[in-house]
Amino acid sequence: YAVGWFRRDPGREYEGVACISSDGSSTYYEDTAKGRFTIIRDNAK
C-alpha cells in the first residue's frame, strides 16, 4: 500500500501532510510541509 500522513487539531479537518507510494517511487507533500518534512518507508521493518 501507499501510506499517507495526516494531521488535525481542534476545530480543523484532517489534512494530508505527506504520502508515499508502495514502491517508494513517488512522494507528495502538503505545501507547508514541502522542504521541511520527508516521508520514508522501510518495508523490511
All heavy atoms as atom14 arrays in JSON, in Angstrom:
{
  "sequence": "YAVGWFRRDPGREYEGVACISSDGSSTYYEDTAKGRFTIIRDNAK",
  "atom14_mask": [
    [1, 1, 1, 1, 1, 1, 1, 1, 1, 1, 1, 1, 0, 0],
    [1, 1, 1, 1, 1, 0, 0, 0, 0, 0, 0, 0, 0, 0],
    [1, 1, 1, 1, 1, 1, 1, 0, 0, 0, 0, 0, 0, 0],
    [1, 1, 1, 1, 0, 0, 0, 0, 0, 0, 0, 0, 0, 0],
    [1, 1, 1, 1, 1, 1, 1, 1, 1, 1, 1, 1, 1, 1],
    [1, 1, 1, 1, 1, 1, 1, 1, 1, 1, 1, 0, 0, 0],
    [1, 1, 1, 1, 1, 1, 1, 1, 1, 1, 1, 0, 0, 0],
    [1, 1, 1, 1, 1, 1, 1, 1, 1, 1, 1, 0, 0, 0],
    [1, 1, 1, 1, 1, 1, 1, 1, 0, 0, 0, 0, 0, 0],
    [1, 1, 1, 1, 1, 1, 1, 0, 0, 0, 0, 0, 0, 0],
    [1, 1, 1, 1, 0, 0, 0, 0, 0, 0, 0, 0, 0, 0],
    [1, 1, 1, 1, 1, 1, 1, 1, 1, 1, 1, 0, 0, 0],
    [1, 1, 1, 1, 1, 1, 1, 1, 1, 0, 0, 0, 0, 0],
    [1, 1, 1, 1, 1, 1, 1, 1, 1, 1, 1, 1, 0, 0],
    [1, 1, 1, 1, 1, 1, 1, 1, 1, 0, 0, 0, 0, 0],
    [1, 1, 1, 1, 0, 0, 0, 0, 0, 0, 0, 0, 0, 0],
    [1, 1, 1, 1, 1, 1, 1, 0, 0, 0, 0, 0, 0, 0],
    [1, 1, 1, 1, 1, 0, 0, 0, 0, 0, 0, 0, 0, 0],
    [1, 1, 1, 1, 1, 1, 0, 0, 0, 0, 0, 0, 0, 0],
    [1, 1, 1, 1, 1, 1, 1, 1, 0, 0, 0, 0, 0, 0],
    [1, 1, 1, 1, 1, 1, 0, 0, 0, 0, 0, 0, 0, 0],
    [1, 1, 1, 1, 1, 1, 0, 0, 0, 0, 0, 0, 0, 0],
    [1, 1, 1, 1, 1, 1, 1, 1, 0, 0, 0, 0, 0, 0],
    [1, 1, 1, 1, 0, 0, 0, 0, 0, 0, 0, 0, 0, 0],
    [1, 1, 1, 1, 1, 1, 0, 0, 0, 0, 0, 0, 0, 0],
    [1, 1, 1, 1, 1, 1, 0, 0, 0, 0, 0, 0, 0, 0],
    [1, 1, 1, 1, 1, 1, 1, 0, 0, 0, 0, 0, 0, 0],
    [1, 1, 1, 1, 1, 1, 1, 1, 1, 1, 1, 1, 0, 0],
    [1, 1, 1, 1, 1, 1, 1, 1, 1, 1, 1, 1, 0, 0],
    [1, 1, 1, 1, 1, 1, 1, 1, 1, 0, 0, 0, 0, 0],
    [1, 1, 1, 1, 1, 1, 1, 1, 0, 0, 0, 0, 0, 0],
    [1, 1, 1, 1, 1, 1, 1, 0, 0, 0, 0, 0, 0, 0],
    [1, 1, 1, 1, 1, 0, 0, 0, 0, 0, 0, 0, 0, 0],
    [1, 1, 1, 1, 1, 1, 1, 1, 1, 0, 0, 0, 0, 0],
    [1, 1, 1, 1, 0, 0, 0, 0, 0, 0, 0, 0, 0, 0],
    [1, 1, 1, 1, 1, 1, 1, 1, 1, 1, 1, 0, 0, 0],
    [1, 1, 1, 1, 1, 1, 1, 1, 1, 1, 1, 0, 0, 0],
    [1, 1, 1, 1, 1, 1, 1, 0, 0, 0, 0, 0, 0, 0],
    [1, 1, 1, 1, 1, 1, 1, 1, 0, 0, 0, 0, 0, 0],
    [1, 1, 1, 1, 1, 1, 1, 1, 0, 0, 0, 0, 0, 0],
    [1, 1, 1, 1, 1, 1, 1, 1, 1, 1, 1, 0, 0, 0],
    [1, 1, 1, 1, 1, 1, 1, 1, 0, 0, 0, 0, 0, 0],
    [1, 1, 1, 1, 1, 1, 1, 1, 0, 0, 0, 0, 0, 0],
    [1, 1, 1, 1, 1, 0, 0, 0, 0, 0, 0, 0, 0, 0],
    [1, 1, 1, 1, 1, 1, 1, 1, 1, 0, 0, 0, 0, 0]
  ],
  "atom14_positions": [
    [[0.8, -1.21, 0.0], [0.0, 0.0, 0.0], [0.84, 1.27, 0.0], [1.93, 1.32, 0.55], [-0.9, 0.03, 1.24], [-1.76, -1.19, 1.41], [-1.44, -2.15, 2.35], [-2.89, -1.36, 0.63], [-2.23, -3.28, 2.51], [-3.69, -2.48, 0.79], [-3.35, -3.43, 1.73], [-4.14, -4.54, 1.88], [0.0, 0.0, 0.0], [0.0, 0.0, 0.0]],
    [[0.28, 2.3, -0.62], [0.75, 3.64, -0.32], [0.41, 3.97, 1.13], [-0.5, 3.37, 1.71], [0.1, 4.65, -1.27], [0.0, 0.0, 0.0], [0.0, 0.0, 0.0], [0.0, 0.0, 0.0], [0.0, 0.0, 0.0], [0.0, 0.0, 0.0], [0.0, 0.0, 0.0], [0.0, 0.0, 0.0], [0.0, 0.0, 0.0], [0.0, 0.0, 0.0]],
    [[1.13, 4.91, 1.7], [0.88, 5.33, 3.07], [0.91, 6.84, 3.13], [1.82, 7.48, 2.58], [1.9, 4.74, 4.05], [1.66, 5.27, 5.47], [1.83, 3.22, 4.06], [0.0, 0.0, 0.0], [0.0, 0.0, 0.0], [0.0, 0.0, 0.0], [0.0, 0.0, 0.0], [0.0, 0.0, 0.0], [0.0, 0.0, 0.0], [0.0, 0.0, 0.0]],
    [[-0.07, 7.4, 3.79], [-0.13, 8.83, 3.97], [-0.09, 9.22, 5.44], [-0.51, 8.46, 6.31], [0.0, 0.0, 0.0], [0.0, 0.0, 0.0], [0.0, 0.0, 0.0], [0.0, 0.0, 0.0], [0.0, 0.0, 0.0], [0.0, 0.0, 0.0], [0.0, 0.0, 0.0], [0.0, 0.0, 0.0], [0.0, 0.0, 0.0], [0.0, 0.0, 0.0]],
    [[0.44, 10.4, 5.68], [0.39, 11.03, 6.99], [-0.6, 12.19, 6.92], [-0.56, 12.98, 5.98], [1.75, 11.54, 7.44], [2.68, 10.48, 7.95], [3.64, 9.83, 7.25], [2.73, 9.97, 9.28], [4.3, 8.94, 8.05], [3.76, 9.01, 9.32], [2.02, 10.24, 10.45], [4.08, 8.31, 10.48], [2.35, 9.54, 11.6], [3.36, 8.6, 11.61]],
    [[-1.44, 12.28, 7.94], [-2.45, 13.31, 8.05], [-2.37, 13.95, 9.42], [-1.84, 13.36, 10.36], [-3.85, 12.72, 7.85], [-4.05, 12.05, 6.52], [-3.57, 10.78, 6.28], [-4.72, 12.71, 5.5], [-3.75, 10.16, 5.06], [-4.91, 12.1, 4.26], [-4.42, 10.83, 4.05], [0.0, 0.0, 0.0], [0.0, 0.0, 0.0], [0.0, 0.0, 0.0]],
    [[-2.92, 15.13, 9.55], [-2.92, 15.79, 10.84], [-4.22, 16.55, 11.07], [-4.89, 16.97, 10.13], [-1.72, 16.74, 10.98], [-1.74, 17.93, 10.04], [-0.44, 18.71, 10.15], [-0.4, 19.84, 9.23], [0.69, 20.56, 8.99], [1.83, 20.27, 9.6], [0.62, 21.58, 8.13], [0.0, 0.0, 0.0], [0.0, 0.0, 0.0], [0.0, 0.0, 0.0]],
    [[-4.53, 16.73, 12.33], [-5.7, 17.52, 12.71], [-5.48, 18.12, 14.1], [-4.71, 17.59, 14.91], [-6.96, 16.67, 12.72], [-6.95, 15.56, 13.75], [-8.29, 14.84, 13.79], [-8.24, 13.68, 14.66], [-8.46, 13.7, 15.96], [-8.75, 14.85, 16.58], [-8.4, 12.58, 16.67], [0.0, 0.0, 0.0], [0.0, 0.0, 0.0], [0.0, 0.0, 0.0]],
    [[-6.14, 19.21, 14.36], [-6.19, 19.79, 15.69], [-7.62, 20.24, 15.94], [-8.46, 20.19, 15.04], [-5.16, 20.91, 15.86], [-5.34, 22.06, 14.89], [-6.37, 22.12, 14.21], [-4.43, 22.91, 14.82], [0.0, 0.0, 0.0], [0.0, 0.0, 0.0], [0.0, 0.0, 0.0], [0.0, 0.0, 0.0], [0.0, 0.0, 0.0], [0.0, 0.0, 0.0]],
    [[-7.93, 20.67, 17.18], [-9.31, 21.06, 17.45], [-9.82, 22.13, 16.49], [-9.15, 23.14, 16.26], [-9.25, 21.58, 18.89], [-8.13, 20.81, 19.51], [-7.11, 20.68, 18.41], [0.0, 0.0, 0.0], [0.0, 0.0, 0.0], [0.0, 0.0, 0.0], [0.0, 0.0, 0.0], [0.0, 0.0, 0.0], [0.0, 0.0, 0.0], [0.0, 0.0, 0.0]],
    [[-10.98, 21.9, 15.94], [-11.57, 22.83, 15.0], [-11.08, 22.71, 13.58], [-11.44, 23.53, 12.73], [0.0, 0.0, 0.0], [0.0, 0.0, 0.0], [0.0, 0.0, 0.0], [0.0, 0.0, 0.0], [0.0, 0.0, 0.0], [0.0, 0.0, 0.0], [0.0, 0.0, 0.0], [0.0, 0.0, 0.0], [0.0, 0.0, 0.0], [0.0, 0.0, 0.0]],
    [[-10.28, 21.71, 13.31], [-9.74, 21.51, 11.98], [-10.15, 20.15, 11.42], [-10.29, 19.18, 12.15], [-8.21, 21.59, 11.99], [-7.64, 22.92, 12.44], [-7.76, 23.96, 11.35], [-6.99, 25.15, 11.67], [-7.43, 26.16, 12.4], [-8.67, 26.12, 12.9], [-6.66, 27.2, 12.64], [0.0, 0.0, 0.0], [0.0, 0.0, 0.0], [0.0, 0.0, 0.0]],
    [[-10.32, 20.13, 10.11], [-10.46, 18.86, 9.43], [-9.1, 18.22, 9.27], [-8.07, 18.89, 9.33], [-11.09, 19.08, 8.05], [-12.48, 19.69, 8.07], [-13.53, 18.72, 8.55], [-13.38, 17.5, 8.31], [-14.49, 19.17, 9.18], [0.0, 0.0, 0.0], [0.0, 0.0, 0.0], [0.0, 0.0, 0.0], [0.0, 0.0, 0.0], [0.0, 0.0, 0.0]],
    [[-9.1, 16.93, 9.07], [-7.86, 16.27, 8.74], [-7.32, 16.83, 7.42], [-8.08, 17.05, 6.47], [-8.06, 14.77, 8.58], [-7.7, 13.96, 9.79], [-8.69, 13.38, 10.58], [-6.37, 13.75, 10.14], [-8.36, 12.63, 11.69], [-6.03, 13.0, 11.26], [-7.02, 12.44, 12.03], [-6.69, 11.7, 13.14], [0.0, 0.0, 0.0], [0.0, 0.0, 0.0]],
    [[-6.03, 17.08, 7.39], [-5.39, 17.47, 6.15], [-4.24, 16.52, 5.85], [-3.55, 16.05, 6.76], [-4.89, 18.91, 6.2], [-3.76, 19.16, 7.18], [-3.15, 20.55, 7.04], [-3.48, 21.27, 6.08], [-2.34, 20.91, 7.92], [0.0, 0.0, 0.0], [0.0, 0.0, 0.0], [0.0, 0.0, 0.0], [0.0, 0.0, 0.0], [0.0, 0.0, 0.0]],
    [[-4.05, 16.25, 4.59], [-2.94, 15.42, 4.18], [-1.63, 16.16, 4.32], [-1.51, 17.32, 3.91], [0.0, 0.0, 0.0], [0.0, 0.0, 0.0], [0.0, 0.0, 0.0], [0.0, 0.0, 0.0], [0.0, 0.0, 0.0], [0.0, 0.0, 0.0], [0.0, 0.0, 0.0], [0.0, 0.0, 0.0], [0.0, 0.0, 0.0], [0.0, 0.0, 0.0]],
    [[-0.64, 15.51, 4.87], [0.68, 16.09, 5.06], [1.68, 15.54, 4.06], [2.45, 16.28, 3.45], [1.18, 15.86, 6.5], [2.58, 16.42, 6.7], [0.21, 16.47, 7.51], [0.0, 0.0, 0.0], [0.0, 0.0, 0.0], [0.0, 0.0, 0.0], [0.0, 0.0, 0.0], [0.0, 0.0, 0.0], [0.0, 0.0, 0.0], [0.0, 0.0, 0.0]],
    [[1.68, 14.23, 3.91], [2.62, 13.58, 3.02], [2.1, 12.21, 2.64], [1.28, 11.62, 3.35], [4.0, 13.46, 3.67], [0.0, 0.0, 0.0], [0.0, 0.0, 0.0], [0.0, 0.0, 0.0], [0.0, 0.0, 0.0], [0.0, 0.0, 0.0], [0.0, 0.0, 0.0], [0.0, 0.0, 0.0], [0.0, 0.0, 0.0], [0.0, 0.0, 0.0]],
    [[2.58, 11.71, 1.53], [2.2, 10.38, 1.1], [3.35, 9.77, 0.31], [4.1, 10.49, -0.36], [0.93, 10.42, 0.25], [0.3, 8.78, -0.21], [0.0, 0.0, 0.0], [0.0, 0.0, 0.0], [0.0, 0.0, 0.0], [0.0, 0.0, 0.0], [0.0, 0.0, 0.0], [0.0, 0.0, 0.0], [0.0, 0.0, 0.0], [0.0, 0.0, 0.0]],
    [[3.46, 8.47, 0.39], [4.48, 7.75, -0.36], [3.84, 6.53, -1.0], [3.04, 5.83, -0.39], [5.67, 7.36, 0.55], [6.81, 6.76, -0.26], [5.23, 6.42, 1.67], [8.12, 6.67, 0.53], [0.0, 0.0, 0.0], [0.0, 0.0, 0.0], [0.0, 0.0, 0.0], [0.0, 0.0, 0.0], [0.0, 0.0, 0.0], [0.0, 0.0, 0.0]],
    [[4.19, 6.28, -2.26], [3.66, 5.14, -2.96], [4.24, 3.84, -2.39], [5.21, 3.84, -1.64], [3.95, 5.24, -4.46], [5.35, 5.27, -4.7], [0.0, 0.0, 0.0], [0.0, 0.0, 0.0], [0.0, 0.0, 0.0], [0.0, 0.0, 0.0], [0.0, 0.0, 0.0], [0.0, 0.0, 0.0], [0.0, 0.0, 0.0], [0.0, 0.0, 0.0]],
    [[3.62, 2.73, -2.77], [4.03, 1.45, -2.2], [5.48, 1.1, -2.49], [6.15, 0.49, -1.65], [3.11, 0.34, -2.7], [3.16, 0.24, -4.12], [0.0, 0.0, 0.0], [0.0, 0.0, 0.0], [0.0, 0.0, 0.0], [0.0, 0.0, 0.0], [0.0, 0.0, 0.0], [0.0, 0.0, 0.0], [0.0, 0.0, 0.0], [0.0, 0.0, 0.0]],
    [[5.97, 1.48, -3.66], [7.35, 1.18, -4.02], [8.31, 2.31, -3.69], [9.5, 2.21, -3.99], [7.46, 0.79, -5.49], [7.06, 1.89, -6.44], [6.71, 2.99, -5.97], [7.09, 1.66, -7.66], [0.0, 0.0, 0.0], [0.0, 0.0, 0.0], [0.0, 0.0, 0.0], [0.0, 0.0, 0.0], [0.0, 0.0, 0.0], [0.0, 0.0, 0.0]],
    [[7.8, 3.38, -3.11], [8.64, 4.5, -2.73], [9.05, 5.41, -3.86], [9.81, 6.36, -3.64], [0.0, 0.0, 0.0], [0.0, 0.0, 0.0], [0.0, 0.0, 0.0], [0.0, 0.0, 0.0], [0.0, 0.0, 0.0], [0.0, 0.0, 0.0], [0.0, 0.0, 0.0], [0.0, 0.0, 0.0], [0.0, 0.0, 0.0], [0.0, 0.0, 0.0]],
    [[8.54, 5.17, -5.06], [8.98, 5.95, -6.21], [8.34, 7.33, -6.29], [8.88, 8.21, -6.97], [8.69, 5.18, -7.5], [7.31, 4.98, -7.69], [0.0, 0.0, 0.0], [0.0, 0.0, 0.0], [0.0, 0.0, 0.0], [0.0, 0.0, 0.0], [0.0, 0.0, 0.0], [0.0, 0.0, 0.0], [0.0, 0.0, 0.0], [0.0, 0.0, 0.0]],
    [[7.21, 7.52, -5.63], [6.51, 8.78, -5.68], [6.2, 9.27, -4.28], [5.75, 8.49, -3.43], [5.2, 8.65, -6.46], [5.44, 8.26, -7.81], [0.0, 0.0, 0.0], [0.0, 0.0, 0.0], [0.0, 0.0, 0.0], [0.0, 0.0, 0.0], [0.0, 0.0, 0.0], [0.0, 0.0, 0.0], [0.0, 0.0, 0.0], [0.0, 0.0, 0.0]],
    [[6.45, 10.53, -4.04], [6.1, 11.16, -2.78], [5.37, 12.45, -3.04], [5.58, 13.11, -4.06], [7.34, 11.43, -1.91], [8.26, 12.26, -2.63], [8.03, 10.13, -1.52], [0.0, 0.0, 0.0], [0.0, 0.0, 0.0], [0.0, 0.0, 0.0], [0.0, 0.0, 0.0], [0.0, 0.0, 0.0], [0.0, 0.0, 0.0], [0.0, 0.0, 0.0]],
    [[4.54, 12.83, -2.09], [3.74, 14.05, -2.18], [3.74, 14.72, -0.83], [3.74, 14.05, 0.21], [2.31, 13.73, -2.61], [2.24, 12.98, -3.92], [2.25, 11.6, -3.95], [2.16, 13.67, -5.12], [2.21, 10.91, -5.14], [2.11, 12.99, -6.32], [2.13, 11.61, -6.33], [2.08, 10.94, -7.53], [0.0, 0.0, 0.0], [0.0, 0.0, 0.0]],
    [[3.71, 16.05, -0.85], [3.74, 16.83, 0.38], [2.77, 17.99, 0.31], [2.58, 18.61, -0.74], [5.15, 17.39, 0.64], [6.19, 16.32, 0.84], [6.97, 15.89, -0.22], [6.39, 15.76, 2.09], [7.92, 14.9, -0.04], [7.34, 14.77, 2.28], [8.1, 14.35, 1.21], [9.05, 13.37, 1.39], [0.0, 0.0, 0.0], [0.0, 0.0, 0.0]],
    [[2.15, 18.26, 1.44], [1.37, 19.48, 1.58], [2.32, 20.66, 1.44], [3.5, 20.57, 1.79], [0.67, 19.46, 2.94], [-0.32, 20.59, 3.17], [0.32, 21.77, 3.85], [1.33, 21.59, 4.55], [-0.19, 22.89, 3.66], [0.0, 0.0, 0.0], [0.0, 0.0, 0.0], [0.0, 0.0, 0.0], [0.0, 0.0, 0.0], [0.0, 0.0, 0.0]],
    [[1.82, 21.78, 0.95], [2.69, 22.89, 0.58], [3.57, 23.36, 1.73], [4.76, 23.64, 1.54], [1.87, 24.06, 0.04], [1.34, 23.81, -1.35], [1.85, 22.9, -2.04], [0.4, 24.53, -1.76], [0.0, 0.0, 0.0], [0.0, 0.0, 0.0], [0.0, 0.0, 0.0], [0.0, 0.0, 0.0], [0.0, 0.0, 0.0], [0.0, 0.0, 0.0]],
    [[3.0, 23.48, 2.92], [3.79, 23.98, 4.04], [4.79, 22.95, 4.57], [5.72, 23.31, 5.29], [2.89, 24.45, 5.19], [2.15, 23.34, 5.73], [1.93, 25.52, 4.71], [0.0, 0.0, 0.0], [0.0, 0.0, 0.0], [0.0, 0.0, 0.0], [0.0, 0.0, 0.0], [0.0, 0.0, 0.0], [0.0, 0.0, 0.0], [0.0, 0.0, 0.0]],
    [[4.58, 21.69, 4.22], [5.49, 20.64, 4.65], [6.65, 20.44, 3.7], [7.72, 19.97, 4.11], [4.73, 19.32, 4.81], [0.0, 0.0, 0.0], [0.0, 0.0, 0.0], [0.0, 0.0, 0.0], [0.0, 0.0, 0.0], [0.0, 0.0, 0.0], [0.0, 0.0, 0.0], [0.0, 0.0, 0.0], [0.0, 0.0, 0.0], [0.0, 0.0, 0.0]],
    [[6.46, 20.79, 2.46], [7.49, 20.57, 1.45], [8.76, 21.33, 1.82], [8.72, 22.52, 2.13], [6.98, 21.0, 0.08], [7.93, 20.65, -1.06], [7.29, 20.97, -2.41], [6.09, 20.09, -2.68], [5.51, 20.34, -4.03], [0.0, 0.0, 0.0], [0.0, 0.0, 0.0], [0.0, 0.0, 0.0], [0.0, 0.0, 0.0], [0.0, 0.0, 0.0]],
    [[9.87, 20.63, 1.77], [11.14, 21.22, 2.14], [11.5, 21.07, 3.59], [12.67, 21.25, 3.95], [0.0, 0.0, 0.0], [0.0, 0.0, 0.0], [0.0, 0.0, 0.0], [0.0, 0.0, 0.0], [0.0, 0.0, 0.0], [0.0, 0.0, 0.0], [0.0, 0.0, 0.0], [0.0, 0.0, 0.0], [0.0, 0.0, 0.0], [0.0, 0.0, 0.0]],
    [[10.52, 20.76, 4.43], [10.76, 20.56, 5.86], [10.53, 19.12, 6.29], [11.22, 18.64, 7.18], [9.85, 21.47, 6.69], [10.06, 22.95, 6.44], [9.27, 23.78, 7.45], [7.83, 23.53, 7.35], [7.05, 23.18, 8.37], [7.57, 23.04, 9.58], [5.75, 22.99, 8.18], [0.0, 0.0, 0.0], [0.0, 0.0, 0.0], [0.0, 0.0, 0.0]],
    [[9.57, 18.46, 5.67], [9.21, 17.1, 6.03], [9.67, 16.14, 4.94], [9.68, 16.48, 3.75], [7.7, 16.94, 6.2], [7.09, 17.71, 7.34], [7.85, 18.55, 8.14], [5.74, 17.58, 7.6], [7.28, 19.25, 9.2], [5.15, 18.28, 8.65], [5.91, 19.11, 9.45], [0.0, 0.0, 0.0], [0.0, 0.0, 0.0], [0.0, 0.0, 0.0]],
    [[10.01, 14.93, 5.35], [10.38, 13.88, 4.42], [9.7, 12.59, 4.84], [9.79, 12.19, 6.0], [11.9, 13.66, 4.39], [12.57, 14.88, 4.09], [12.27, 12.62, 3.32], [0.0, 0.0, 0.0], [0.0, 0.0, 0.0], [0.0, 0.0, 0.0], [0.0, 0.0, 0.0], [0.0, 0.0, 0.0], [0.0, 0.0, 0.0], [0.0, 0.0, 0.0]],
    [[9.02, 11.96, 3.9], [8.39, 10.67, 4.17], [9.28, 9.57, 3.6], [9.78, 9.67, 2.48], [6.95, 10.62, 3.61], [6.25, 9.34, 4.07], [6.93, 10.77, 2.1], [4.75, 9.36, 3.8], [0.0, 0.0, 0.0], [0.0, 0.0, 0.0], [0.0, 0.0, 0.0], [0.0, 0.0, 0.0], [0.0, 0.0, 0.0], [0.0, 0.0, 0.0]],
    [[9.48, 8.55, 4.39], [10.4, 7.46, 4.06], [9.73, 6.15, 4.45], [9.04, 6.07, 5.46], [11.73, 7.61, 4.85], [12.31, 9.01, 4.69], [12.74, 6.55, 4.41], [13.26, 9.4, 5.82], [0.0, 0.0, 0.0], [0.0, 0.0, 0.0], [0.0, 0.0, 0.0], [0.0, 0.0, 0.0], [0.0, 0.0, 0.0], [0.0, 0.0, 0.0]],
    [[9.96, 5.13, 3.66], [9.45, 3.83, 4.06], [10.57, 2.8, 4.12], [11.51, 2.83, 3.33], [8.3, 3.35, 3.15], [8.66, 3.0, 1.74], [7.35, 2.74, 0.94], [6.52, 1.74, 1.58], [5.19, 1.69, 1.51], [4.53, 2.62, 0.81], [4.52, 0.73, 2.12], [0.0, 0.0, 0.0], [0.0, 0.0, 0.0], [0.0, 0.0, 0.0]],
    [[10.43, 1.9, 5.06], [11.35, 0.79, 5.24], [10.49, -0.46, 5.26], [9.97, -0.86, 6.31], [12.15, 0.94, 6.53], [13.24, -0.1, 6.68], [13.17, -1.15, 6.0], [14.16, 0.11, 7.49], [0.0, 0.0, 0.0], [0.0, 0.0, 0.0], [0.0, 0.0, 0.0], [0.0, 0.0, 0.0], [0.0, 0.0, 0.0], [0.0, 0.0, 0.0]],
    [[10.34, -1.06, 4.11], [9.44, -2.21, 4.01], [9.93, -3.4, 4.83], [9.13, -4.21, 5.28], [9.26, -2.61, 2.55], [8.4, -1.63, 1.78], [7.65, -0.85, 2.36], [8.5, -1.66, 0.45], [0.0, 0.0, 0.0], [0.0, 0.0, 0.0], [0.0, 0.0, 0.0], [0.0, 0.0, 0.0], [0.0, 0.0, 0.0], [0.0, 0.0, 0.0]],
    [[11.24, -3.51, 5.0], [11.77, -4.59, 5.82], [11.29, -4.49, 7.26], [11.16, -5.51, 7.94], [13.29, -4.61, 5.76], [0.0, 0.0, 0.0], [0.0, 0.0, 0.0], [0.0, 0.0, 0.0], [0.0, 0.0, 0.0], [0.0, 0.0, 0.0], [0.0, 0.0, 0.0], [0.0, 0.0, 0.0], [0.0, 0.0, 0.0], [0.0, 0.0, 0.0]],
    [[11.05, -3.28, 7.72], [10.55, -3.05, 9.07], [9.05, -2.85, 9.12], [8.49, -2.61, 10.19], [11.26, -1.85, 9.7], [12.74, -2.03, 9.89], [13.37, -0.81, 10.53], [14.85, -1.01, 10.75], [15.48, 0.19, 11.37], [0.0, 0.0, 0.0], [0.0, 0.0, 0.0], [0.0, 0.0, 0.0], [0.0, 0.0, 0.0], [0.0, 0.0, 0.0]]
  ]
}
